[in-house]
Every structure is written in C-alpha cells, then in structure tokens.
Amino acid sequence: MILLVLFWAAALFILYTYVGYPVLIGLLARLSFSEGDCTKYQESAALPELAACKAA
C-alpha cells in the first residue's frame, strides 16, 4: 500500500512539473499584467540591446 501511494505521489509530482507549473505561471502572468504594462519598457532607451548569462 505504501509503495502504491509513493508511486502516485511521484507520478502527480512529475505531472505537475511538466503540465501544472507552466499552466500556473501562464495564468499568473495573464492575471498580473495587462497589455499596456509592457509598452513603457519597450520604448525605454535605458534597456540594454544585448544581455548575456554565463553559467559558472
């Protein structure tokens, strides 16, 4: 019985990782920003034209 519970818990965790989390982030992004919020950043000259990230 314990192995069955552990199996389904792991399966649900994997499902949440690949499906639930991206859906949750997408919903939060739609709820927190409107279309007009990003235009002020696109017109700003203070933003760099290129950004680089280096993994150490």
N, C-alpha and C. Protein backbone atom coordinates (compact mmCIF):
# COMPACT_ATOMS: atom_id res chain seq x y z
N MET A 1 0.83 -1.21 0.00
CA MET A 1 0.00 0.00 0.00
C MET A 1 0.86 1.26 0.00
N ILE A 2 1.94 1.25 0.78
CA ILE A 2 2.82 2.42 0.84
C ILE A 2 3.49 2.67 -0.50
N LEU A 3 3.90 1.59 -1.17
CA LEU A 3 4.53 1.74 -2.48
C LEU A 3 3.56 2.32 -3.51
N LEU A 4 2.31 1.94 -3.40
CA LEU A 4 1.29 2.48 -4.31
C LEU A 4 1.10 3.98 -4.09
N VAL A 5 1.06 4.40 -2.84
CA VAL A 5 0.92 5.82 -2.51
C VAL A 5 2.15 6.59 -2.98
N LEU A 6 3.33 6.04 -2.77
CA LEU A 6 4.56 6.70 -3.22
C LEU A 6 4.60 6.81 -4.74
N PHE A 7 4.16 5.76 -5.43
CA PHE A 7 4.13 5.79 -6.90
C PHE A 7 3.23 6.90 -7.40
N TRP A 8 2.01 6.99 -6.88
CA TRP A 8 1.07 8.00 -7.35
C TRP A 8 1.49 9.41 -6.94
N ALA A 9 2.12 9.54 -5.80
CA ALA A 9 2.64 10.85 -5.39
C ALA A 9 3.73 11.30 -6.34
N ALA A 10 4.62 10.40 -6.70
CA ALA A 10 5.69 10.73 -7.64
C ALA A 10 5.12 11.03 -9.03
N ALA A 11 4.14 10.25 -9.46
CA ALA A 11 3.52 10.48 -10.77
C ALA A 11 2.83 11.84 -10.82
N LEU A 12 2.13 12.20 -9.75
CA LEU A 12 1.46 13.51 -9.72
C LEU A 12 2.47 14.65 -9.66
N PHE A 13 3.57 14.44 -8.96
CA PHE A 13 4.61 15.46 -8.91
C PHE A 13 5.23 15.69 -10.29
N ILE A 14 5.49 14.62 -11.01
CA ILE A 14 6.03 14.75 -12.37
C ILE A 14 5.02 15.43 -13.28
N LEU A 15 3.76 15.06 -13.17
CA LEU A 15 2.71 15.69 -13.98
C LEU A 15 2.61 17.17 -13.66
N TYR A 16 2.68 17.53 -12.39
CA TYR A 16 2.64 18.94 -12.01
C TYR A 16 3.85 19.69 -12.58
N THR A 17 5.01 19.05 -12.58
CA THR A 17 6.22 19.69 -13.07
C THR A 17 6.11 20.04 -14.55
N TYR A 18 5.61 19.13 -15.34
CA TYR A 18 5.56 19.34 -16.79
C TYR A 18 4.29 20.00 -17.29
N VAL A 19 3.21 19.93 -16.54
CA VAL A 19 1.94 20.49 -17.00
C VAL A 19 1.41 21.56 -16.06
N GLY A 20 1.33 21.25 -14.79
CA GLY A 20 0.70 22.14 -13.83
C GLY A 20 1.44 23.44 -13.61
N TYR A 21 2.77 23.36 -13.46
CA TYR A 21 3.54 24.57 -13.20
C TYR A 21 3.51 25.54 -14.37
N PRO A 22 3.72 25.10 -15.63
CA PRO A 22 3.62 26.06 -16.74
C PRO A 22 2.23 26.69 -16.86
N VAL A 23 1.20 25.90 -16.60
CA VAL A 23 -0.16 26.45 -16.66
C VAL A 23 -0.35 27.48 -15.55
N LEU A 24 0.14 27.19 -14.36
CA LEU A 24 0.02 28.12 -13.24
C LEU A 24 0.76 29.42 -13.53
N ILE A 25 1.96 29.35 -14.06
CA ILE A 25 2.73 30.55 -14.39
C ILE A 25 2.04 31.36 -15.49
N GLY A 26 1.49 30.67 -16.48
CA GLY A 26 0.75 31.36 -17.54
C GLY A 26 -0.47 32.10 -17.02
N LEU A 27 -1.20 31.46 -16.11
CA LEU A 27 -2.37 32.11 -15.52
C LEU A 27 -1.97 33.31 -14.67
N LEU A 28 -0.92 33.16 -13.89
CA LEU A 28 -0.46 34.29 -13.07
C LEU A 28 0.02 35.44 -13.93
N ALA A 29 0.67 35.14 -15.03
CA ALA A 29 1.14 36.21 -15.92
C ALA A 29 -0.04 36.94 -16.55
N ARG A 30 -1.06 36.22 -16.92
CA ARG A 30 -2.23 36.88 -17.52
C ARG A 30 -2.99 37.72 -16.50
N LEU A 31 -3.02 37.26 -15.26
CA LEU A 31 -3.76 37.99 -14.24
C LEU A 31 -3.01 39.21 -13.72
N SER A 32 -1.68 39.17 -13.74
CA SER A 32 -0.93 40.25 -13.11
C SER A 32 -0.56 41.38 -14.07
N PHE A 33 -0.55 41.13 -15.36
CA PHE A 33 -0.16 42.17 -16.32
C PHE A 33 -1.27 42.39 -17.34
N SER A 34 -1.44 43.65 -17.69
CA SER A 34 -2.32 43.94 -18.82
C SER A 34 -1.43 44.28 -20.01
N GLU A 35 -2.02 44.41 -21.19
CA GLU A 35 -1.22 44.66 -22.39
C GLU A 35 -0.51 46.00 -22.35
N GLY A 36 -1.04 46.98 -21.66
CA GLY A 36 -0.43 48.29 -21.62
C GLY A 36 0.77 48.39 -20.71
N ASP A 37 0.98 47.40 -19.84
CA ASP A 37 2.07 47.46 -18.88
C ASP A 37 3.45 47.35 -19.52
N CYS A 38 3.57 46.61 -20.61
CA CYS A 38 4.89 46.35 -21.19
C CYS A 38 5.34 47.42 -22.18
N THR A 39 4.45 48.28 -22.62
CA THR A 39 4.83 49.26 -23.64
C THR A 39 5.82 50.29 -23.11
N LYS A 40 5.74 50.64 -21.85
CA LYS A 40 6.66 51.64 -21.31
C LYS A 40 8.09 51.11 -21.27
N TYR A 41 8.27 49.81 -21.14
CA TYR A 41 9.60 49.23 -21.12
C TYR A 41 10.16 49.06 -22.53
N GLN A 42 9.32 48.83 -23.50
CA GLN A 42 9.78 48.65 -24.88
C GLN A 42 10.25 49.97 -25.48
N GLU A 43 9.72 51.08 -25.03
CA GLU A 43 10.10 52.37 -25.57
C GLU A 43 11.30 52.99 -24.85
N SER A 44 11.71 52.41 -23.76
CA SER A 44 12.78 52.97 -22.97
C SER A 44 14.13 52.72 -23.62
N ALA A 45 14.98 53.75 -23.66
CA ALA A 45 16.32 53.63 -24.21
C ALA A 45 17.32 53.14 -23.17
N ALA A 46 16.91 53.04 -21.92
CA ALA A 46 17.80 52.66 -20.86
C ALA A 46 18.07 51.14 -20.83
N LEU A 47 17.27 50.38 -21.54
CA LEU A 47 17.46 48.93 -21.53
C LEU A 47 18.60 48.55 -22.47
N PRO A 48 19.38 47.55 -22.12
CA PRO A 48 20.47 47.11 -23.00
C PRO A 48 19.92 46.40 -24.23
N GLU A 49 20.68 46.48 -25.31
CA GLU A 49 20.26 45.80 -26.53
C GLU A 49 20.61 44.32 -26.50
N LEU A 50 21.56 43.95 -25.66
CA LEU A 50 22.00 42.57 -25.59
C LEU A 50 22.25 42.20 -24.14
N ALA A 51 21.77 41.04 -23.76
CA ALA A 51 22.03 40.55 -22.40
C ALA A 51 22.65 39.16 -22.52
N ALA A 52 23.60 38.87 -21.66
CA ALA A 52 24.27 37.58 -21.70
C ALA A 52 24.28 36.98 -20.31
N CYS A 53 24.08 35.68 -20.22
CA CYS A 53 24.15 34.97 -18.96
C CYS A 53 25.20 33.87 -19.11
N LYS A 54 26.05 33.76 -18.12
CA LYS A 54 27.09 32.74 -18.14
C LYS A 54 26.92 31.86 -16.90
N ALA A 55 26.78 30.58 -17.14
CA ALA A 55 26.67 29.64 -16.02
C ALA A 55 28.07 29.35 -15.49
N ALA A 56 28.22 29.49 -14.21
CA ALA A 56 29.55 29.26 -13.63
C ALA A 56 29.68 27.84 -13.12
